[in-house]
Protein backbone atom coordinates (compact mmCIF):
# COMPACT_ATOMS: atom_id res chain seq x y z
CA MET A 1 181.22 107.44 -13.70
CA LYS A 2 181.06 109.37 -16.96
CA ALA A 3 182.51 112.51 -15.29
CA LYS A 4 185.37 110.45 -13.82
CA ASN A 5 186.24 109.01 -17.28
CA THR A 6 186.09 112.50 -18.80
CA ALA A 7 188.45 113.83 -16.13
CA ILE A 8 190.90 110.95 -16.68
CA THR A 9 190.77 111.43 -20.46
CA PHE A 10 191.37 115.16 -20.05
CA ALA A 11 194.31 114.55 -17.66
CA ILE A 12 195.89 112.07 -20.10
CA ALA A 13 195.41 114.47 -23.02
CA LEU A 14 196.95 117.32 -21.00
CA LEU A 15 199.91 115.17 -19.93
CA THR A 16 200.45 114.00 -23.51
CA PHE A 17 200.34 117.59 -24.76
CA TRP A 18 202.81 118.72 -22.08
CA LEU A 19 205.26 115.86 -22.76
CA GLY A 20 205.03 116.40 -26.51
CA ASN A 21 205.66 120.13 -26.10
CA TYR A 22 208.61 119.44 -23.76
CA ALA A 23 210.16 116.96 -26.21
CA PHE A 24 209.65 119.35 -29.15
CA ASN A 25 211.31 122.23 -27.25
CA LYS A 26 214.24 120.04 -26.22
CA PHE A 27 214.69 118.81 -29.82
CA SER A 28 214.42 122.39 -31.14
CA LYS A 29 217.06 123.67 -28.68
CA GLN A 30 219.39 120.81 -29.63
CA GLN A 31 219.01 121.73 -33.31
CA ASN A 32 219.73 125.39 -32.48
CA LEU A 33 222.86 124.38 -30.56
CA GLU A 34 224.09 122.20 -33.43
CA LYS A 35 223.43 125.06 -35.87
CA LEU A 36 225.37 127.48 -33.65
CA LEU A 37 228.38 125.21 -33.32
CA ALA A 38 228.44 124.36 -37.04
CA THR A 39 227.82 127.81 -38.52
CA LYS A 40 228.62 130.29 -35.68
CA GLU A 41 225.18 131.80 -36.44
CA CYS A 42 222.01 131.44 -34.42
CA SER A 43 220.25 134.77 -34.23
CA GLU A 44 216.82 134.82 -32.56
CA CYS A 45 217.46 131.23 -31.32
CA ASP A 46 216.19 129.63 -28.13
CA LEU A 47 219.31 128.54 -26.25
CA THR A 48 217.86 128.79 -22.74
CA TYR A 49 219.42 126.87 -19.85
CA LEU A 50 222.14 125.23 -21.97
CA ASN A 51 225.61 124.23 -20.82
CA LEU A 52 228.04 126.12 -23.05
CA LYS A 53 230.80 126.12 -20.44
CA SER A 54 234.25 126.81 -21.94
CA ALA A 55 232.80 126.76 -25.49
CA ASN A 56 234.67 128.45 -28.35
CA LEU A 57 232.05 130.96 -29.48
CA ARG A 58 234.50 133.48 -30.90
CA GLY A 59 232.81 135.73 -33.47
CA VAL A 60 229.37 134.06 -33.23
CA ASN A 61 226.19 135.86 -34.22
CA LEU A 62 223.68 135.47 -31.38
CA ARG A 63 221.77 138.65 -32.12
CA GLY A 64 218.40 138.45 -30.36
CA ALA A 65 219.07 134.92 -29.05
CA ASN A 66 217.55 133.82 -25.76
CA LEU A 67 220.32 132.53 -23.47
CA THR A 68 218.37 132.85 -20.21
CA GLY A 69 220.04 130.82 -17.46
CA SER A 70 222.70 129.37 -19.78
CA ASP A 71 226.15 128.52 -18.44
CA LEU A 72 228.73 130.33 -20.59
CA SER A 73 231.41 130.37 -17.89
CA GLY A 74 234.92 130.24 -19.31
CA ALA A 75 233.63 130.60 -22.90
CA ASP A 76 235.46 132.60 -25.56
CA LEU A 77 232.97 135.18 -26.89
CA LYS A 78 235.56 137.54 -28.36
CA GLY A 79 233.96 139.56 -31.16
CA ALA A 80 230.55 137.93 -30.66
CA ASN A 81 227.36 139.76 -31.66
CA LEU A 82 224.96 139.56 -28.70
CA ASP A 83 222.93 142.64 -29.60
CA ARG A 84 219.40 142.40 -28.13
CA ALA A 85 220.25 138.95 -26.69
CA ILE A 86 218.53 137.84 -23.51
CA LEU A 87 221.19 136.80 -21.00
CA TYR A 88 218.97 136.99 -17.92
CA GLN A 89 220.69 135.06 -15.08
CA ALA A 90 223.32 133.73 -17.52
CA ASP A 91 226.70 132.72 -16.10
CA LEU A 92 229.37 134.67 -18.01
CA SER A 93 232.01 134.32 -15.31
CA ASN A 94 235.59 134.09 -16.56
CA THR A 95 234.52 134.59 -20.19
CA ILE A 96 236.46 136.48 -22.83
CA LEU A 97 234.22 139.34 -24.02
CA SER A 98 236.60 141.74 -25.78
CA ASN A 99 235.18 143.26 -28.96
CA ALA A 100 231.77 141.66 -28.22
CA SER A 101 228.63 143.72 -28.79
CA PHE A 102 225.79 143.70 -26.27
CA GLN A 103 223.76 146.67 -27.59
CA GLY A 104 220.27 146.50 -26.11
CA ALA A 105 220.99 143.11 -24.50
CA ASN A 106 219.35 142.03 -21.26
CA LEU A 107 222.11 141.09 -18.79
CA GLU A 108 219.87 141.42 -15.75
CA MET A 109 221.17 139.23 -12.89
CA ALA A 110 223.96 137.87 -15.14
CA ASN A 111 227.29 136.88 -13.60
CA LEU A 112 230.30 138.61 -15.22
CA LYS A 113 232.67 137.92 -12.32
CA GLY A 114 236.22 137.51 -13.61
CA ALA A 115 235.18 138.20 -17.23
CA ASP A 116 237.85 139.65 -19.49
CA LEU A 117 236.32 142.70 -21.12
CA GLY A 118 239.54 143.43 -23.02
CA CYS A 119 239.59 147.03 -21.84
CA SER A 120 243.31 147.58 -21.84
CA ARG A 121 244.94 150.93 -21.92
CA LEU A 122 248.55 151.83 -22.63
CA ASN A 123 249.60 155.06 -20.97
CA PHE A 124 252.64 157.04 -22.05
CA ILE A 125 253.66 159.36 -19.25
CA MET A 126 256.32 161.95 -20.06
CA THR A 127 257.92 163.97 -17.34
CA GLU A 128 260.72 166.46 -17.37
CA ASP A 129 263.14 167.15 -14.59
CA ALA A 130 266.71 168.52 -14.25
CA SER A 131 268.18 165.38 -15.83
CA GLY A 132 265.97 165.63 -18.94
CA THR A 133 262.76 164.13 -20.29
CA ASN A 134 261.61 160.75 -19.01
CA LEU A 135 259.10 158.43 -20.68
CA ARG A 136 257.24 155.85 -18.65
CA LEU A 137 254.92 153.22 -20.16
CA ASN A 138 252.09 151.86 -18.05
CA PHE A 139 249.83 149.02 -19.20
CA ASP A 140 246.52 149.32 -17.35
CA ARG A 141 243.82 146.65 -17.54
CA ASN A 142 240.61 148.14 -16.20
CA PRO A 143 237.73 145.67 -16.78
CA ILE A 144 235.04 148.02 -15.43
CA ARG A 145 235.63 150.88 -17.86
CA ALA A 146 233.67 149.44 -20.80
CA ARG A 147 233.61 151.53 -23.96
CA ARG A 148 232.15 151.19 -27.42
CA LEU A 149 234.23 149.11 -29.83
CA SER A 150 234.67 152.16 -32.06
CA ASP A 151 236.00 154.33 -29.21
CA PHE A 152 239.76 154.35 -29.48
CA GLU A 153 241.09 157.16 -27.39
CA LEU A 154 244.13 159.31 -27.80
CA ASN A 155 244.22 161.93 -25.06
CA PHE A 156 246.85 164.58 -24.61
CA ASN A 157 247.21 166.25 -21.26
CA LEU A 158 249.87 168.93 -21.54
CA THR A 159 249.81 169.65 -17.81
CA ASP A 160 251.36 166.35 -16.77
CA GLY A 161 252.48 165.08 -20.19
CA ALA A 162 250.21 162.02 -20.22
CA ILE A 163 249.04 160.38 -23.44
CA SER A 164 246.50 157.58 -23.21
CA LEU A 165 245.53 155.10 -25.95
CA ASN A 166 242.89 152.35 -25.68
CA LEU A 167 244.47 149.54 -27.68
CA PHE A 168 241.85 146.83 -27.44
CA GLY A 169 238.13 147.12 -28.13
CA CYS A 170 235.96 146.87 -25.08
CA PRO A 171 232.54 145.27 -25.34
CA ASP A 172 229.69 147.57 -26.30
CA PHE A 173 227.02 147.59 -23.58
CA GLU A 174 225.05 150.53 -25.03
CA SER A 175 221.40 150.38 -23.87
CA ALA A 176 222.02 147.03 -22.15
CA ASN A 177 220.05 146.16 -19.03
CA LEU A 178 222.67 145.45 -16.34
CA THR A 179 220.31 145.52 -13.33
CA GLY A 180 221.65 143.20 -10.64
CA THR A 181 224.55 142.06 -12.81
CA ILE A 182 227.68 140.88 -11.02
CA LEU A 183 230.55 142.85 -12.55
CA PRO A 184 234.04 141.44 -13.28
CA ASP A 185 235.40 142.72 -9.97
CA GLY A 186 232.60 140.93 -8.05
CA SER A 187 230.57 144.06 -7.27
CA LYS A 188 226.89 144.35 -8.22
CA TYR A 189 225.65 146.92 -10.71
């Protein structure tokens, strides 16, 4: 009888501990979310499995934050700092990511389908024929060709007269883990 009472007491203590820990974590995440929305700053925060769908997170600092499994679909993350952030299995579909920084971030199994990386390029193509010199402008949006924010290109190709300039900063994925990530065009990395 004494062993049965000890087992019941232990089970109740374990259940109480688990429920208390669960409630504390939920309260802590809610505080982190409120801090993020109020100050646009929540580095090293636990924001796992939150619904941030269509949220305005433009320019936020989420450096080192844990966003595992969070739904950020349709969110505006333009200019956000997500360096070293954990975005494992996060839904970033249809998000705006131009000028965002993901240096050293974990985007393993994340969904970037339809995301706007802001990688736009304006091409000036000059040709010359019998009637004179022609100038053609071509605006090319290539979401796969991600470059560092500081990489603004100006290329001269004298063979075909093409000049290329990257006008908008692409997100910086330097050293990011993209294993299994769904890219903006729907392909897997």
